[in-house]
Amino acid sequence: MLDFSGRALRSTPVRVAITVAILWYLAARIDMTASAQAMASIRQSYLGMVLVLVGVDRCIMILRWVLLLRASGIAITVTEASRLFLVSSFVGSFLPAGIGGDAARAYGLARDTTSGSEALASVAVDRLLGVLSLVVMGAVGLAVWSSQSGADWRVAIAVATAGGVCVGAFWASDVVRFVVPDHRHGRSVTRRVLKLGDAVSRYRNRRGVLVHVMAWSLAVQMLRISQAYLLGIGLGLTVPFSYFLLFMPVALLLLLLPISISGFGLPQGGIVWMLRPAGVPDASSFALATLILLTGLAGNLPGLWLWLRARGPRPA
């Protein structure tokens, strides 16, 4: 996993530049002193509750990955899956947001199993269901908020399109075989894409585990929206929970885009922009966005401990 992270780190200068540029843009327009003061004055009881919820959502994320692994026939203990998940999440903190931790997890698992395609497919399906659960939560938020104040029909189309893409990914190998001529199927890249697509498509026959994992994915997204809401209360914001249901799925999708480091930059700008209609000052919005990222990174600290433990001196 360390070799993989080294290669990935060397490919990130553009993402670092994007992150720095967005943060510089925000810093030029937001009172950062006021944001820092808001973060320092957050009510500690709410911050403590959020950190507990972060721990709970990490446990659920490990559980849903174990369910996918066992459904694909990969024999792995909960302890080993937890170690791989937590260490890769920590390593992913320094890699491109969204895909860094997933890529490190797939690499670590593939190295320890005989089926690399099944290992990668388990991570891919885990991510697909995670994104699909965000789409569902976005649809719920859209329905709740539109009943109160109306909503743009274009948002509804975007939600439906994103859901269709996630579901359609389970038929990706069929699409590739239809689009790519047969004589190109033996080429290296096409062969690997088809192998991964076939592994993902096999989950279509595992509907029970997909429903189970999807339910847990929805629970994770609700936990994350609740974390943001509690942080908002701790900062003294009066934004209703229904509005968090509407904008947080979008913010979490921005967090998954692999164009920033550790999620800093674009998601913060998105949250600031989306909270303006609710009358939240930019300094407070930036404080909330930063705390969301920092508490999420705090959930990766167990991976740091496991990583350091693995690197420690071995007994003679």
Protein backbone atom coordinates (compact mmCIF):
# COMPACT_ATOMS: atom_id res chain seq x y z
CA MET A 1 0.00 0.00 0.00
CA LEU A 2 2.91 2.36 0.71
CA ASP A 3 4.28 1.95 -2.83
CA PHE A 4 0.83 2.74 -4.22
CA SER A 5 0.46 5.85 -2.04
CA GLY A 6 3.86 7.09 -3.14
CA ARG A 7 2.89 6.88 -6.81
CA ALA A 8 -0.43 8.57 -6.14
CA LEU A 9 1.19 11.38 -4.16
CA ARG A 10 3.50 12.16 -7.06
CA SER A 11 0.48 12.62 -9.36
CA THR A 12 -1.29 15.29 -7.27
CA PRO A 13 0.32 18.69 -8.04
CA VAL A 14 -2.68 19.81 -10.12
CA ARG A 15 -5.09 18.89 -7.34
CA VAL A 16 -2.94 20.71 -4.80
CA ALA A 17 -2.98 23.77 -7.06
CA ILE A 18 -6.78 23.59 -7.39
CA THR A 19 -7.22 23.25 -3.63
CA VAL A 20 -4.88 26.18 -2.91
CA ALA A 21 -6.55 28.34 -5.57
CA ILE A 22 -10.05 27.77 -4.20
CA LEU A 23 -8.94 28.38 -0.61
CA TRP A 24 -7.13 31.56 -1.69
CA TYR A 25 -10.27 32.74 -3.50
CA LEU A 26 -12.41 32.08 -0.41
CA ALA A 27 -9.88 33.70 1.92
CA ALA A 28 -9.97 36.87 -0.18
CA ARG A 29 -13.76 37.15 0.26
CA ILE A 30 -14.41 35.73 3.72
CA ASP A 31 -13.42 37.04 7.13
CA MET A 32 -11.17 34.12 8.12
CA THR A 33 -10.59 35.59 11.57
CA ALA A 34 -14.33 35.44 12.24
CA SER A 35 -14.42 31.86 10.91
CA ALA A 36 -11.57 30.81 13.20
CA GLN A 37 -13.25 32.44 16.17
CA ALA A 38 -16.51 30.64 15.36
CA MET A 39 -14.74 27.26 15.20
CA ALA A 40 -12.91 27.94 18.47
CA SER A 41 -16.15 28.89 20.23
CA ILE A 42 -18.23 25.88 19.12
CA ARG A 43 -20.13 24.28 21.98
CA GLN A 44 -18.07 21.31 23.06
CA SER A 45 -21.05 19.08 23.83
CA TYR A 46 -22.16 19.18 20.19
CA LEU A 47 -18.64 18.60 18.95
CA GLY A 48 -18.41 15.54 21.22
CA MET A 49 -21.70 14.16 19.89
CA VAL A 50 -20.48 14.59 16.33
CA LEU A 51 -17.24 12.72 17.02
CA VAL A 52 -19.25 9.83 18.49
CA LEU A 53 -21.41 9.74 15.34
CA VAL A 54 -18.26 9.77 13.20
CA GLY A 55 -17.10 6.64 15.02
CA VAL A 56 -20.48 4.99 14.46
CA ASP A 57 -20.50 5.74 10.73
CA ARG A 58 -16.98 4.26 10.38
CA CYS A 59 -18.19 1.04 11.99
CA ILE A 60 -21.16 0.87 9.61
CA MET A 61 -18.93 1.51 6.59
CA ILE A 62 -16.68 -1.39 7.60
CA LEU A 63 -19.73 -3.61 8.10
CA ARG A 64 -21.17 -2.92 4.65
CA TRP A 65 -17.80 -3.61 3.00
CA VAL A 66 -17.50 -6.93 4.84
CA LEU A 67 -20.97 -7.87 3.58
CA LEU A 68 -19.90 -7.18 -0.01
CA LEU A 69 -16.63 -9.09 0.37
CA ARG A 70 -18.29 -12.18 1.77
CA ALA A 71 -21.00 -12.07 -0.89
CA SER A 72 -18.27 -12.25 -3.54
CA GLY A 73 -16.59 -15.21 -1.84
CA ILE A 74 -13.58 -13.35 -0.43
CA ALA A 75 -12.77 -14.90 2.94
CA ILE A 76 -11.71 -12.13 5.30
CA THR A 77 -12.11 -11.57 9.01
CA VAL A 78 -13.78 -8.48 10.41
CA THR A 79 -10.49 -7.59 12.11
CA GLU A 80 -8.51 -7.71 8.88
CA ALA A 81 -11.21 -5.83 6.94
CA SER A 82 -11.26 -3.16 9.66
CA ARG A 83 -7.48 -2.81 9.50
CA LEU A 84 -7.49 -2.47 5.71
CA PHE A 85 -10.37 0.00 5.76
CA LEU A 86 -8.97 2.23 8.51
CA VAL A 87 -5.39 2.28 7.23
CA SER A 88 -6.50 3.00 3.66
CA SER A 89 -8.79 5.78 4.94
CA PHE A 90 -5.82 7.34 6.72
CA VAL A 91 -3.60 7.00 3.64
CA GLY A 92 -6.44 8.39 1.53
CA SER A 93 -6.42 11.55 3.66
CA PHE A 94 -3.31 12.63 1.74
CA LEU A 95 -4.54 11.49 -1.67
CA PRO A 96 -7.16 12.93 -4.06
CA ALA A 97 -10.49 13.34 -2.28
CA GLY A 98 -13.15 10.75 -2.99
CA ILE A 99 -11.02 8.13 -4.73
CA GLY A 100 -7.82 8.17 -2.67
CA GLY A 101 -9.03 5.98 0.18
CA ASP A 102 -10.95 3.69 -2.17
CA ALA A 103 -7.94 3.17 -4.41
CA ALA A 104 -5.67 2.44 -1.44
CA ARG A 105 -8.23 -0.01 -0.05
CA ALA A 106 -8.61 -1.83 -3.37
CA TYR A 107 -4.83 -2.01 -3.78
CA GLY A 108 -4.29 -3.37 -0.27
CA LEU A 109 -7.03 -5.97 -0.61
CA ALA A 110 -5.95 -7.09 -4.08
CA ARG A 111 -2.43 -7.62 -2.77
CA ASP A 112 -3.74 -9.92 -0.03
CA THR A 113 -6.22 -11.93 -2.13
CA THR A 114 -6.04 -14.10 -5.22
CA SER A 115 -8.79 -12.25 -7.09
CA GLY A 116 -7.84 -8.65 -7.84
CA SER A 117 -10.95 -8.00 -9.94
CA GLU A 118 -13.30 -9.18 -7.18
CA ALA A 119 -11.39 -7.07 -4.64
CA LEU A 120 -11.67 -3.98 -6.82
CA ALA A 121 -15.31 -4.74 -7.58
CA SER A 122 -16.19 -4.86 -3.87
CA VAL A 123 -14.77 -1.35 -3.43
CA ALA A 124 -16.44 -0.11 -6.63
CA VAL A 125 -19.86 -1.46 -5.61
CA ASP A 126 -19.40 -0.03 -2.12
CA ARG A 127 -18.77 3.38 -3.66
CA LEU A 128 -21.63 3.04 -6.17
CA LEU A 129 -24.12 2.27 -3.41
CA GLY A 130 -22.70 5.11 -1.35
CA VAL A 131 -23.29 7.56 -4.20
CA LEU A 132 -26.73 6.09 -4.89
CA SER A 133 -27.66 6.54 -1.23
CA LEU A 134 -26.62 10.21 -1.52
CA VAL A 135 -28.88 10.53 -4.55
CA VAL A 136 -31.77 9.02 -2.59
CA MET A 137 -31.15 11.37 0.33
CA GLY A 138 -30.97 14.27 -2.11
CA ALA A 139 -34.36 13.23 -3.53
CA VAL A 140 -35.79 13.08 0.00
CA GLY A 141 -34.38 16.51 0.79
CA LEU A 142 -35.74 17.88 -2.48
CA ALA A 143 -39.20 16.52 -1.71
CA VAL A 144 -39.19 17.89 1.85
CA TRP A 145 -37.86 21.31 0.91
CA SER A 146 -39.99 21.73 -2.22
CA SER A 147 -43.11 21.10 -0.16
CA GLN A 148 -42.14 24.15 1.91
CA SER A 149 -40.72 26.59 -0.61
CA GLY A 150 -40.75 25.03 -4.08
CA ALA A 151 -37.73 23.73 -6.00
CA ASP A 152 -36.17 24.01 -9.43
CA TRP A 153 -37.24 21.16 -11.77
CA ARG A 154 -33.65 21.00 -13.06
CA VAL A 155 -32.52 19.76 -9.65
CA ALA A 156 -35.00 16.90 -9.88
CA ILE A 157 -33.66 15.96 -13.32
CA ALA A 158 -30.08 16.01 -12.01
CA VAL A 159 -31.02 13.73 -9.11
CA ALA A 160 -32.80 11.27 -11.42
CA THR A 161 -29.87 11.27 -13.87
CA ALA A 162 -27.31 10.59 -11.14
CA GLY A 163 -29.41 7.70 -9.83
CA GLY A 164 -29.72 6.23 -13.33
CA VAL A 165 -25.94 6.38 -13.85
CA CYS A 166 -25.27 4.57 -10.55
CA VAL A 167 -27.73 1.79 -11.35
CA GLY A 168 -26.51 1.54 -14.94
CA ALA A 169 -22.95 0.89 -13.75
CA PHE A 170 -23.98 -2.69 -12.95
CA TRP A 171 -24.45 -3.22 -16.72
CA ALA A 172 -21.22 -1.44 -17.70
CA SER A 173 -19.52 -4.59 -19.02
CA ASP A 174 -22.48 -5.27 -21.35
CA VAL A 175 -22.26 -1.71 -22.68
CA VAL A 176 -18.49 -2.01 -23.26
CA ARG A 177 -18.94 -5.29 -25.17
CA PHE A 178 -21.63 -3.67 -27.31
CA VAL A 179 -19.65 -0.49 -28.06
CA VAL A 180 -16.11 -1.86 -28.40
CA PRO A 181 -15.46 -4.11 -31.41
CA ASP A 182 -14.79 -7.78 -30.62
CA HIS A 183 -11.23 -7.72 -31.95
CA ARG A 184 -10.31 -5.10 -29.33
CA HIS A 185 -11.57 -7.09 -26.35
CA GLY A 186 -8.21 -8.81 -25.93
CA ARG A 187 -6.27 -5.58 -25.50
CA SER A 188 -4.84 -4.85 -22.07
CA VAL A 189 -7.01 -1.91 -21.03
CA THR A 190 -10.24 -3.29 -22.50
CA ARG A 191 -9.59 -6.71 -20.95
CA ARG A 192 -9.13 -5.18 -17.51
CA VAL A 193 -12.22 -3.00 -17.86
CA LEU A 194 -14.30 -6.02 -18.88
CA LYS A 195 -12.90 -8.12 -16.05
CA LEU A 196 -13.82 -5.47 -13.51
CA GLY A 197 -17.20 -4.86 -15.15
CA ASP A 198 -17.99 -8.58 -15.05
CA ALA A 199 -17.09 -8.70 -11.35
CA VAL A 200 -19.37 -5.73 -10.64
CA SER A 201 -22.19 -7.19 -12.77
CA ARG A 202 -22.16 -10.41 -10.72
CA TYR A 203 -23.61 -8.39 -7.86
CA ARG A 204 -26.84 -8.13 -9.88
CA ASN A 205 -27.53 -11.70 -8.76
CA ARG A 206 -26.83 -10.80 -5.13
CA ARG A 207 -29.87 -8.64 -4.59
CA GLY A 208 -30.18 -9.50 -0.90
CA VAL A 209 -26.75 -8.16 -0.03
CA LEU A 210 -27.26 -5.11 -2.27
CA VAL A 211 -30.46 -4.20 -0.42
CA HIS A 212 -28.73 -4.81 2.91
CA VAL A 213 -25.72 -2.67 2.04
CA MET A 214 -27.93 0.04 0.53
CA ALA A 215 -29.88 0.26 3.81
CA TRP A 216 -26.63 0.69 5.74
CA SER A 217 -25.45 3.28 3.19
CA LEU A 218 -28.59 5.33 3.77
CA ALA A 219 -27.91 5.12 7.51
CA VAL A 220 -24.38 6.44 6.95
CA GLN A 221 -25.63 9.40 4.91
CA MET A 222 -28.24 10.24 7.54
CA LEU A 223 -25.51 10.14 10.18
CA ARG A 224 -23.36 12.52 8.15
CA ILE A 225 -26.23 14.95 7.58
CA SER A 226 -26.97 14.80 11.30
CA GLN A 227 -23.30 15.50 12.07
CA ALA A 228 -23.42 18.65 9.95
CA TYR A 229 -26.70 19.72 11.58
CA LEU A 230 -25.27 19.26 15.08
CA LEU A 231 -22.15 21.21 14.14
CA GLY A 232 -24.42 23.95 12.84
CA ILE A 233 -26.30 24.08 16.14
CA GLY A 234 -22.97 24.14 18.00
CA LEU A 235 -21.98 27.18 15.92
CA GLY A 236 -25.28 28.90 16.68
CA LEU A 237 -26.85 28.49 13.23
CA THR A 238 -30.64 28.37 12.96
CA VAL A 239 -30.88 26.55 9.62
CA PRO A 240 -33.65 23.90 9.74
CA PHE A 241 -32.82 20.21 9.40
CA SER A 242 -34.91 20.04 6.21
CA TYR A 243 -32.45 22.40 4.49
CA PHE A 244 -29.53 20.23 5.61
CA LEU A 245 -31.33 17.31 3.95
CA LEU A 246 -31.37 19.32 0.73
CA PHE A 247 -27.81 20.71 0.52
CA MET A 248 -25.67 18.20 2.40
CA PRO A 249 -26.03 15.37 -0.19
CA VAL A 250 -24.73 17.84 -2.79
CA ALA A 251 -21.87 18.85 -0.49
CA LEU A 252 -20.97 15.21 0.12
CA LEU A 253 -20.98 14.55 -3.63
CA LEU A 254 -18.59 17.49 -4.06
CA LEU A 255 -16.42 15.87 -1.41
CA LEU A 256 -16.19 12.73 -3.57
CA LEU A 257 -14.87 14.58 -6.63
CA PRO A 258 -11.15 13.77 -7.06
CA ILE A 259 -10.05 17.36 -7.66
CA SER A 260 -8.95 18.36 -4.17
CA ILE A 261 -6.78 17.06 -1.36
CA SER A 262 -8.63 15.65 1.67
CA GLY A 263 -11.78 17.43 0.52
CA PHE A 264 -10.50 20.95 1.22
CA GLY A 265 -11.38 23.70 -1.21
CA LEU A 266 -14.31 22.86 -3.48
CA PRO A 267 -16.64 21.34 -0.83
CA GLN A 268 -16.05 24.33 1.44
CA GLY A 269 -16.86 26.73 -1.38
CA GLY A 270 -19.96 24.70 -2.25
CA ILE A 271 -21.26 24.77 1.32
CA VAL A 272 -20.67 28.53 1.59
CA TRP A 273 -22.57 29.08 -1.66
CA MET A 274 -25.46 26.75 -0.73
CA LEU A 275 -25.96 28.30 2.72
CA ARG A 276 -26.28 31.85 1.40
CA PRO A 277 -30.00 31.42 0.51
CA ALA A 278 -30.57 30.40 4.14
CA GLY A 279 -29.11 33.71 5.31
CA VAL A 280 -25.95 32.26 6.86
CA PRO A 281 -22.92 34.60 6.84
CA ASP A 282 -20.04 33.32 4.74
CA ALA A 283 -17.68 33.25 7.73
CA SER A 284 -20.05 30.94 9.63
CA SER A 285 -20.61 28.74 6.56
CA PHE A 286 -16.87 28.37 6.06
CA ALA A 287 -16.45 27.47 9.73
CA LEU A 288 -19.14 24.79 9.41
CA ALA A 289 -17.61 23.37 6.21
CA THR A 290 -14.15 23.22 7.76
CA LEU A 291 -15.43 21.51 10.90
CA ILE A 292 -17.25 18.93 8.77
CA LEU A 293 -13.95 18.10 7.05
CA LEU A 294 -11.89 18.11 10.25
CA THR A 295 -14.26 15.83 12.15
CA GLY A 296 -14.26 13.48 9.17
CA LEU A 297 -10.47 13.41 9.20
CA ALA A 298 -10.58 12.70 12.93
CA GLY A 299 -12.37 9.47 12.05
CA ASN A 300 -9.25 8.41 10.13
CA LEU A 301 -6.93 8.71 13.15
CA PRO A 302 -7.37 5.03 14.18
CA GLY A 303 -5.85 4.20 10.80
CA LEU A 304 -2.79 6.28 11.72
CA TRP A 305 -2.34 4.26 14.91
CA LEU A 306 -2.66 0.96 13.01
CA TRP A 307 -0.24 2.20 10.34
CA LEU A 308 2.35 3.23 12.91
CA ARG A 309 1.88 -0.06 14.74
CA ALA A 310 2.54 -2.02 11.55
CA ARG A 311 5.70 -0.02 10.92
CA GLY A 312 7.01 -0.47 14.47
CA PRO A 313 9.97 -2.72 15.33
CA ARG A 314 9.20 -6.43 15.16
CA PRO A 315 10.16 -8.65 18.10
CA ALA A 316 13.39 -10.61 17.65
